[in-house]
Amino acid sequence: MKKPKLNKRFDKQFGEFVLKKRQEKGWSQSVLADKVENNYQNISRLERGEITPTLYWCYKLAEAFEMELPELLTEFGFKAKK
């Protein structure tokens, strides 16, 4: 029996964000997969919100999109609490 995902909304929103950034670059899922050293199947699953990105994934995505990690998170909409 599968456990329900508590962060499903986050996963979906982050996946849509990655899809948008990838399309802005004009890249296929395979191109992005090569840049983050993964495979296109996982990029597809990420974009559909089926998997939760790890911190390492976020770092690699920021690198691929030529951004700093904090910039990627801010653009996604993450706001740190003070």
N, C-alpha and C. Protein backbone atom coordinates (compact mmCIF):
# COMPACT_ATOMS: atom_id res chain seq x y z
N MET A 1 0.83 -1.18 0.00
CA MET A 1 0.00 0.00 0.00
C MET A 1 0.88 1.25 0.00
N LYS A 2 0.60 2.16 -0.91
CA LYS A 2 1.37 3.39 -1.03
C LYS A 2 0.97 4.39 0.05
N LYS A 3 1.97 5.11 0.56
CA LYS A 3 1.69 6.17 1.51
C LYS A 3 1.19 7.40 0.75
N PRO A 4 0.22 8.12 1.30
CA PRO A 4 -0.21 9.35 0.63
C PRO A 4 0.89 10.40 0.70
N LYS A 5 1.04 11.16 -0.37
CA LYS A 5 2.05 12.20 -0.39
C LYS A 5 1.52 13.45 0.28
N LEU A 6 2.24 13.91 1.27
CA LEU A 6 1.81 15.09 2.01
C LEU A 6 2.13 16.39 1.26
N ASN A 7 3.10 16.34 0.39
CA ASN A 7 3.54 17.55 -0.30
C ASN A 7 3.18 17.53 -1.78
N LYS A 8 2.08 16.91 -2.12
CA LYS A 8 1.69 16.74 -3.52
C LYS A 8 1.54 18.10 -4.24
N ARG A 9 0.96 19.08 -3.55
CA ARG A 9 0.78 20.39 -4.17
C ARG A 9 2.13 21.03 -4.49
N PHE A 10 3.07 20.94 -3.56
CA PHE A 10 4.41 21.47 -3.80
C PHE A 10 5.04 20.79 -5.01
N ASP A 11 4.98 19.46 -5.05
CA ASP A 11 5.57 18.70 -6.15
C ASP A 11 5.00 19.15 -7.49
N LYS A 12 3.70 19.33 -7.55
CA LYS A 12 3.03 19.74 -8.79
C LYS A 12 3.47 21.14 -9.19
N GLN A 13 3.50 22.06 -8.25
CA GLN A 13 3.90 23.44 -8.55
C GLN A 13 5.37 23.52 -8.97
N PHE A 14 6.22 22.77 -8.28
CA PHE A 14 7.63 22.80 -8.65
C PHE A 14 7.83 22.18 -10.03
N GLY A 15 7.11 21.11 -10.31
CA GLY A 15 7.20 20.49 -11.63
C GLY A 15 6.78 21.43 -12.73
N GLU A 16 5.72 22.18 -12.51
CA GLU A 16 5.26 23.16 -13.51
C GLU A 16 6.30 24.26 -13.70
N PHE A 17 6.96 24.65 -12.60
CA PHE A 17 8.02 25.66 -12.67
C PHE A 17 9.18 25.15 -13.52
N VAL A 18 9.61 23.92 -13.29
CA VAL A 18 10.71 23.34 -14.06
C VAL A 18 10.33 23.23 -15.54
N LEU A 19 9.12 22.78 -15.81
CA LEU A 19 8.64 22.69 -17.20
C LEU A 19 8.71 24.05 -17.88
N LYS A 20 8.23 25.09 -17.20
CA LYS A 20 8.24 26.44 -17.77
C LYS A 20 9.67 26.90 -18.06
N LYS A 21 10.57 26.71 -17.09
CA LYS A 21 11.98 27.12 -17.28
C LYS A 21 12.61 26.35 -18.44
N ARG A 22 12.32 25.06 -18.52
CA ARG A 22 12.90 24.24 -19.60
C ARG A 22 12.39 24.73 -20.95
N GLN A 23 11.10 25.00 -21.04
CA GLN A 23 10.52 25.46 -22.30
C GLN A 23 11.04 26.84 -22.69
N GLU A 24 11.27 27.71 -21.70
CA GLU A 24 11.85 29.03 -21.98
C GLU A 24 13.22 28.90 -22.63
N LYS A 25 13.96 27.88 -22.24
CA LYS A 25 15.29 27.63 -22.81
C LYS A 25 15.20 26.92 -24.17
N GLY A 26 14.02 26.38 -24.48
CA GLY A 26 13.86 25.65 -25.73
C GLY A 26 14.48 24.26 -25.69
N TRP A 27 14.59 23.70 -24.50
CA TRP A 27 15.22 22.41 -24.33
C TRP A 27 14.20 21.28 -24.29
N SER A 28 14.61 20.13 -24.76
CA SER A 28 13.81 18.91 -24.58
C SER A 28 14.09 18.37 -23.18
N GLN A 29 13.30 17.41 -22.76
CA GLN A 29 13.56 16.77 -21.47
C GLN A 29 14.91 16.08 -21.48
N SER A 30 15.30 15.54 -22.62
CA SER A 30 16.60 14.86 -22.72
C SER A 30 17.76 15.83 -22.53
N VAL A 31 17.63 17.02 -23.09
CA VAL A 31 18.69 18.02 -22.94
C VAL A 31 18.83 18.41 -21.48
N LEU A 32 17.71 18.70 -20.82
CA LEU A 32 17.76 19.05 -19.40
C LEU A 32 18.31 17.88 -18.58
N ALA A 33 17.90 16.68 -18.92
CA ALA A 33 18.39 15.50 -18.20
C ALA A 33 19.91 15.41 -18.30
N ASP A 34 20.46 15.65 -19.48
CA ASP A 34 21.92 15.62 -19.64
C ASP A 34 22.59 16.68 -18.77
N LYS A 35 21.98 17.85 -18.72
CA LYS A 35 22.56 18.95 -17.94
C LYS A 35 22.54 18.68 -16.44
N VAL A 36 21.54 17.97 -15.96
CA VAL A 36 21.46 17.67 -14.52
C VAL A 36 21.98 16.27 -14.20
N GLU A 37 22.54 15.60 -15.22
CA GLU A 37 23.13 14.27 -15.05
C GLU A 37 22.11 13.26 -14.53
N ASN A 38 20.96 13.24 -15.20
CA ASN A 38 19.89 12.32 -14.85
C ASN A 38 19.33 11.78 -16.15
N ASN A 39 18.11 11.25 -16.13
CA ASN A 39 17.52 10.74 -17.37
C ASN A 39 16.19 11.44 -17.64
N TYR A 40 15.76 11.39 -18.89
CA TYR A 40 14.56 12.13 -19.28
C TYR A 40 13.30 11.59 -18.60
N GLN A 41 13.30 10.32 -18.22
CA GLN A 41 12.14 9.76 -17.53
C GLN A 41 11.94 10.45 -16.17
N ASN A 42 13.03 10.71 -15.47
CA ASN A 42 12.93 11.39 -14.18
C ASN A 42 12.56 12.86 -14.36
N ILE A 43 13.03 13.49 -15.43
CA ILE A 43 12.62 14.87 -15.71
C ILE A 43 11.11 14.89 -15.96
N SER A 44 10.62 13.95 -16.72
CA SER A 44 9.18 13.85 -16.99
C SER A 44 8.40 13.66 -15.69
N ARG A 45 8.86 12.77 -14.85
CA ARG A 45 8.18 12.53 -13.57
C ARG A 45 8.22 13.77 -12.68
N LEU A 46 9.35 14.47 -12.68
CA LEU A 46 9.48 15.70 -11.90
C LEU A 46 8.49 16.75 -12.40
N GLU A 47 8.42 16.93 -13.71
CA GLU A 47 7.53 17.94 -14.29
C GLU A 47 6.06 17.61 -14.06
N ARG A 48 5.73 16.37 -13.93
CA ARG A 48 4.34 15.96 -13.66
C ARG A 48 4.01 15.98 -12.18
N GLY A 49 5.01 16.28 -11.35
CA GLY A 49 4.78 16.34 -9.91
C GLY A 49 4.71 14.99 -9.25
N GLU A 50 5.29 13.99 -9.88
CA GLU A 50 5.24 12.63 -9.34
C GLU A 50 6.36 12.34 -8.36
N ILE A 51 7.41 13.16 -8.39
CA ILE A 51 8.52 12.95 -7.46
C ILE A 51 8.87 14.29 -6.80
N THR A 52 9.40 14.19 -5.60
CA THR A 52 9.81 15.37 -4.85
C THR A 52 11.28 15.64 -5.12
N PRO A 53 11.61 16.87 -5.50
CA PRO A 53 13.02 17.18 -5.78
C PRO A 53 13.84 17.22 -4.49
N THR A 54 15.01 16.65 -4.54
CA THR A 54 15.94 16.74 -3.41
C THR A 54 16.69 18.07 -3.51
N LEU A 55 17.40 18.40 -2.47
CA LEU A 55 18.23 19.60 -2.50
C LEU A 55 19.27 19.50 -3.62
N TYR A 56 19.83 18.32 -3.80
CA TYR A 56 20.81 18.13 -4.87
C TYR A 56 20.18 18.38 -6.24
N TRP A 57 18.95 17.85 -6.44
CA TRP A 57 18.24 18.09 -7.71
C TRP A 57 18.07 19.59 -7.93
N CYS A 58 17.65 20.29 -6.89
CA CYS A 58 17.45 21.74 -7.01
C CYS A 58 18.75 22.44 -7.37
N TYR A 59 19.84 22.02 -6.75
CA TYR A 59 21.15 22.59 -7.06
C TYR A 59 21.51 22.35 -8.53
N LYS A 60 21.33 21.11 -8.99
CA LYS A 60 21.65 20.78 -10.38
C LYS A 60 20.75 21.53 -11.36
N LEU A 61 19.48 21.70 -11.03
CA LEU A 61 18.57 22.46 -11.88
C LEU A 61 18.99 23.92 -11.95
N ALA A 62 19.36 24.50 -10.82
CA ALA A 62 19.82 25.89 -10.81
C ALA A 62 21.06 26.04 -11.69
N GLU A 63 21.97 25.11 -11.56
CA GLU A 63 23.18 25.12 -12.37
C GLU A 63 22.83 25.04 -13.86
N ALA A 64 21.92 24.15 -14.21
CA ALA A 64 21.52 23.98 -15.61
C ALA A 64 20.87 25.25 -16.16
N PHE A 65 20.06 25.91 -15.34
CA PHE A 65 19.37 27.12 -15.77
C PHE A 65 20.24 28.37 -15.59
N GLU A 66 21.51 28.16 -15.24
CA GLU A 66 22.49 29.23 -15.07
C GLU A 66 22.04 30.24 -14.01
N MET A 67 21.66 29.69 -12.87
CA MET A 67 21.21 30.49 -11.74
C MET A 67 21.90 30.00 -10.48
N GLU A 68 21.90 30.83 -9.47
CA GLU A 68 22.32 30.39 -8.14
C GLU A 68 21.12 29.70 -7.50
N LEU A 69 21.36 28.78 -6.60
CA LEU A 69 20.27 28.05 -5.94
C LEU A 69 19.27 28.99 -5.26
N PRO A 70 19.74 30.00 -4.49
CA PRO A 70 18.76 30.91 -3.87
C PRO A 70 17.89 31.64 -4.91
N GLU A 71 18.48 31.98 -6.04
CA GLU A 71 17.74 32.64 -7.11
C GLU A 71 16.65 31.72 -7.67
N LEU A 72 16.99 30.46 -7.87
CA LEU A 72 16.01 29.49 -8.36
C LEU A 72 14.85 29.37 -7.39
N LEU A 73 15.18 29.24 -6.10
CA LEU A 73 14.14 29.08 -5.08
C LEU A 73 13.27 30.33 -4.97
N THR A 74 13.89 31.50 -5.07
CA THR A 74 13.13 32.75 -5.01
C THR A 74 12.21 32.87 -6.22
N GLU A 75 12.73 32.57 -7.40
CA GLU A 75 11.91 32.65 -8.61
C GLU A 75 10.75 31.65 -8.54
N PHE A 76 10.99 30.50 -7.94
CA PHE A 76 9.92 29.52 -7.76
C PHE A 76 8.84 30.06 -6.83
N GLY A 77 9.24 30.90 -5.88
CA GLY A 77 8.26 31.49 -4.98
C GLY A 77 8.51 31.18 -3.52
N PHE A 78 9.67 30.59 -3.22
CA PHE A 78 10.01 30.28 -1.83
C PHE A 78 10.42 31.56 -1.13
N LYS A 79 9.84 31.79 0.02
CA LYS A 79 10.20 32.95 0.84
C LYS A 79 10.68 32.47 2.20
N ALA A 80 11.90 32.78 2.53
CA ALA A 80 12.46 32.37 3.82
C ALA A 80 11.82 33.16 4.93
N LYS A 81 11.57 32.49 6.03
CA LYS A 81 11.03 33.16 7.22
C LYS A 81 12.18 33.80 7.97
N LYS A 82 11.94 34.99 8.49
CA LYS A 82 12.99 35.69 9.24
C LYS A 82 12.81 35.48 10.72
